[in-house]
């Protein structure tokens, strides 16, 4: 299967997991749910601007959609600054960490969320990262890239 298949399917799995998280948060409170929806819009924007826009692979991104969005941001490939890495971390904590308390209260959603997220993360690490040439990525495993 193509790199794009794994890239888009991992994003779709994360998307479905995020919908489950939003359901859990709306179940607890409409205000929390609305806040999470705002985060779900802001976090990907922040990720594209702070991370994807500096990626050396944005023109041929396996995730497809973030790469296309990143090409619209005029930032040359370069090492990531501590601020950009902090933005990446904060966006991930907001998307994944924030809803955990409310997901935990709904065991079925919690389990489904983590199955979907785990499959997506395994796809990303085992397929996408091995095929990515972003030399600036902090998760880049040099040995895996040399081994092919």
Protein backbone atom coordinates (compact mmCIF):
# COMPACT_ATOMS: atom_id res chain seq x y z
CA UNK A 1 0.00 0.00 0.00
CA UNK A 2 1.10 3.55 -0.64
CA UNK A 3 2.53 5.95 1.88
CA UNK A 4 -0.44 8.24 1.20
CA UNK A 5 -2.86 5.45 2.17
CA UNK A 6 -1.20 5.09 5.57
CA UNK A 7 -0.89 8.85 6.00
CA UNK A 8 -4.53 9.60 5.23
CA UNK A 9 -5.83 6.56 7.12
CA UNK A 10 -3.83 7.51 10.24
CA UNK A 11 -5.30 11.02 10.09
CA UNK A 12 -8.79 9.55 9.62
CA UNK A 13 -8.33 7.28 12.65
CA UNK A 14 -7.17 10.23 14.75
CA UNK A 15 -10.15 12.19 13.42
CA UNK A 16 -12.63 9.52 14.51
CA UNK A 17 -10.92 9.28 17.91
CA UNK A 18 -11.19 13.06 18.24
CA UNK A 19 -14.91 12.90 17.49
CA UNK A 20 -15.26 10.32 20.28
CA UNK A 21 -13.39 12.64 22.62
CA UNK A 22 -15.69 15.51 21.66
CA UNK A 23 -18.72 13.31 22.35
CA UNK A 24 -17.38 12.51 25.82
CA UNK A 25 -16.77 16.17 26.53
CA UNK A 26 -20.20 17.25 25.25
CA UNK A 27 -21.69 14.47 27.39
CA UNK A 28 -20.12 16.10 30.44
CA UNK A 29 -20.86 19.71 29.48
CA UNK A 30 -21.83 21.67 26.39
CA UNK A 31 -19.25 24.28 27.38
CA UNK A 32 -16.45 21.71 27.58
CA UNK A 33 -17.51 20.23 24.28
CA UNK A 34 -17.51 23.64 22.63
CA UNK A 35 -14.08 24.41 24.09
CA UNK A 36 -12.74 21.12 22.71
CA UNK A 37 -14.17 21.88 19.26
CA UNK A 38 -12.30 25.20 19.31
CA UNK A 39 -9.13 23.32 20.29
CA UNK A 40 -9.75 20.82 17.47
CA UNK A 41 -9.73 23.70 15.01
CA UNK A 42 -6.83 25.67 16.54
CA UNK A 43 -4.44 22.78 17.25
CA UNK A 44 -4.10 21.49 13.66
CA UNK A 45 -3.62 25.07 12.47
CA UNK A 46 -0.84 25.52 15.04
CA UNK A 47 0.72 22.17 14.07
CA UNK A 48 0.79 23.07 10.38
CA UNK A 49 2.27 26.53 11.04
CA UNK A 50 4.84 25.50 13.66
CA UNK A 51 5.81 22.04 12.42
CA UNK A 52 4.61 21.04 8.96
CA UNK A 53 5.51 24.38 7.35
CA UNK A 54 9.20 23.77 8.13
CA UNK A 55 9.19 20.13 7.05
CA UNK A 56 11.50 19.16 4.21
CA UNK A 57 8.79 16.77 2.93
CA UNK A 58 5.81 19.13 2.73
CA UNK A 59 5.76 18.99 -1.08
CA UNK A 60 5.34 15.20 -0.98
CA UNK A 61 3.80 14.68 2.46
CA UNK A 62 2.39 11.21 3.00
CA UNK A 63 -0.32 12.67 5.22
CA UNK A 64 -1.36 14.68 2.11
CA UNK A 65 -3.61 17.34 3.70
CA UNK A 66 -1.13 18.85 6.20
CA UNK A 67 1.51 18.95 3.47
CA UNK A 68 -0.79 20.81 1.11
CA UNK A 69 -1.72 23.27 3.86
CA UNK A 70 1.96 23.70 4.82
CA UNK A 71 2.88 24.58 1.25
CA UNK A 72 0.68 27.67 1.59
CA UNK A 73 2.81 28.88 4.53
CA UNK A 74 5.99 30.57 3.36
CA UNK A 75 8.52 29.01 5.72
CA UNK A 76 11.71 27.38 4.48
CA UNK A 77 12.76 23.99 5.86
CA UNK A 78 14.91 24.48 8.95
CA UNK A 79 15.55 23.02 12.39
CA UNK A 80 12.71 23.45 14.84
CA UNK A 81 13.09 26.02 17.59
CA UNK A 82 12.24 25.29 21.23
CA UNK A 83 9.15 27.50 20.82
CA UNK A 84 7.94 25.50 17.81
CA UNK A 85 8.48 22.24 19.67
CA UNK A 86 6.58 23.67 22.66
CA UNK A 87 3.69 24.58 20.34
CA UNK A 88 3.75 21.04 18.94
CA UNK A 89 3.70 19.57 22.45
CA UNK A 90 0.96 21.90 23.69
CA UNK A 91 -1.23 21.13 20.67
CA UNK A 92 -0.81 17.39 21.18
CA UNK A 93 -1.52 17.63 24.92
CA UNK A 94 -4.63 19.71 24.21
CA UNK A 95 -5.93 17.29 21.55
CA UNK A 96 -5.04 14.03 23.27
CA UNK A 97 -4.52 14.79 26.95
CA UNK A 98 -7.39 17.16 27.70
CA UNK A 99 -10.29 14.77 26.99
CA UNK A 100 -8.86 11.83 28.95
CA UNK A 101 -10.67 12.63 32.22
CA UNK A 102 -14.03 12.69 30.43
CA UNK A 103 -13.26 9.68 28.23
CA UNK A 104 -12.30 7.70 31.35
CA UNK A 105 -15.84 8.22 32.66
CA UNK A 106 -17.24 6.49 29.55
CA UNK A 107 -15.24 3.22 29.34
CA UNK A 108 -16.53 2.23 25.89
CA UNK A 109 -15.51 5.56 24.35
CA UNK A 110 -12.21 5.47 26.26
CA UNK A 111 -11.36 2.03 24.86
CA UNK A 112 -12.43 2.91 21.32
CA UNK A 113 -10.49 6.19 21.49
CA UNK A 114 -7.27 4.45 22.48
CA UNK A 115 -7.62 1.58 20.01
CA UNK A 116 -8.05 4.08 17.15
CA UNK A 117 -5.26 6.32 18.43
CA UNK A 118 -2.88 3.40 18.98
CA UNK A 119 -3.43 2.03 15.47
CA UNK A 120 -2.85 5.52 14.01
CA UNK A 121 0.34 6.05 16.02
CA UNK A 122 1.68 2.62 15.05
CA UNK A 123 0.98 3.41 11.38
CA UNK A 124 2.74 6.74 11.71
CA UNK A 125 5.82 5.37 13.49
CA UNK A 126 6.20 2.13 11.50
CA UNK A 127 5.25 3.36 8.03
CA UNK A 128 5.24 7.13 7.78
CA UNK A 129 8.38 7.89 9.79
CA UNK A 130 10.41 5.29 7.92
CA UNK A 131 9.49 6.87 4.61
CA UNK A 132 9.93 10.48 5.72
CA UNK A 133 13.02 12.49 4.84
CA UNK A 134 12.49 15.37 7.28
CA UNK A 135 16.00 15.61 8.66
CA UNK A 136 14.83 18.20 11.21
CA UNK A 137 12.13 16.05 12.81
CA UNK A 138 12.81 15.48 16.52
CA UNK A 139 11.32 11.97 16.27
CA UNK A 140 13.54 10.95 13.38
CA UNK A 141 15.28 7.67 14.03
CA UNK A 142 18.54 7.80 12.11
CA UNK A 143 19.15 4.04 12.36
CA UNK A 144 15.72 3.21 10.90
CA UNK A 145 16.31 5.60 7.99
CA UNK A 146 19.73 4.09 7.22
CA UNK A 147 18.33 0.55 7.39
CA UNK A 148 15.68 1.51 4.83
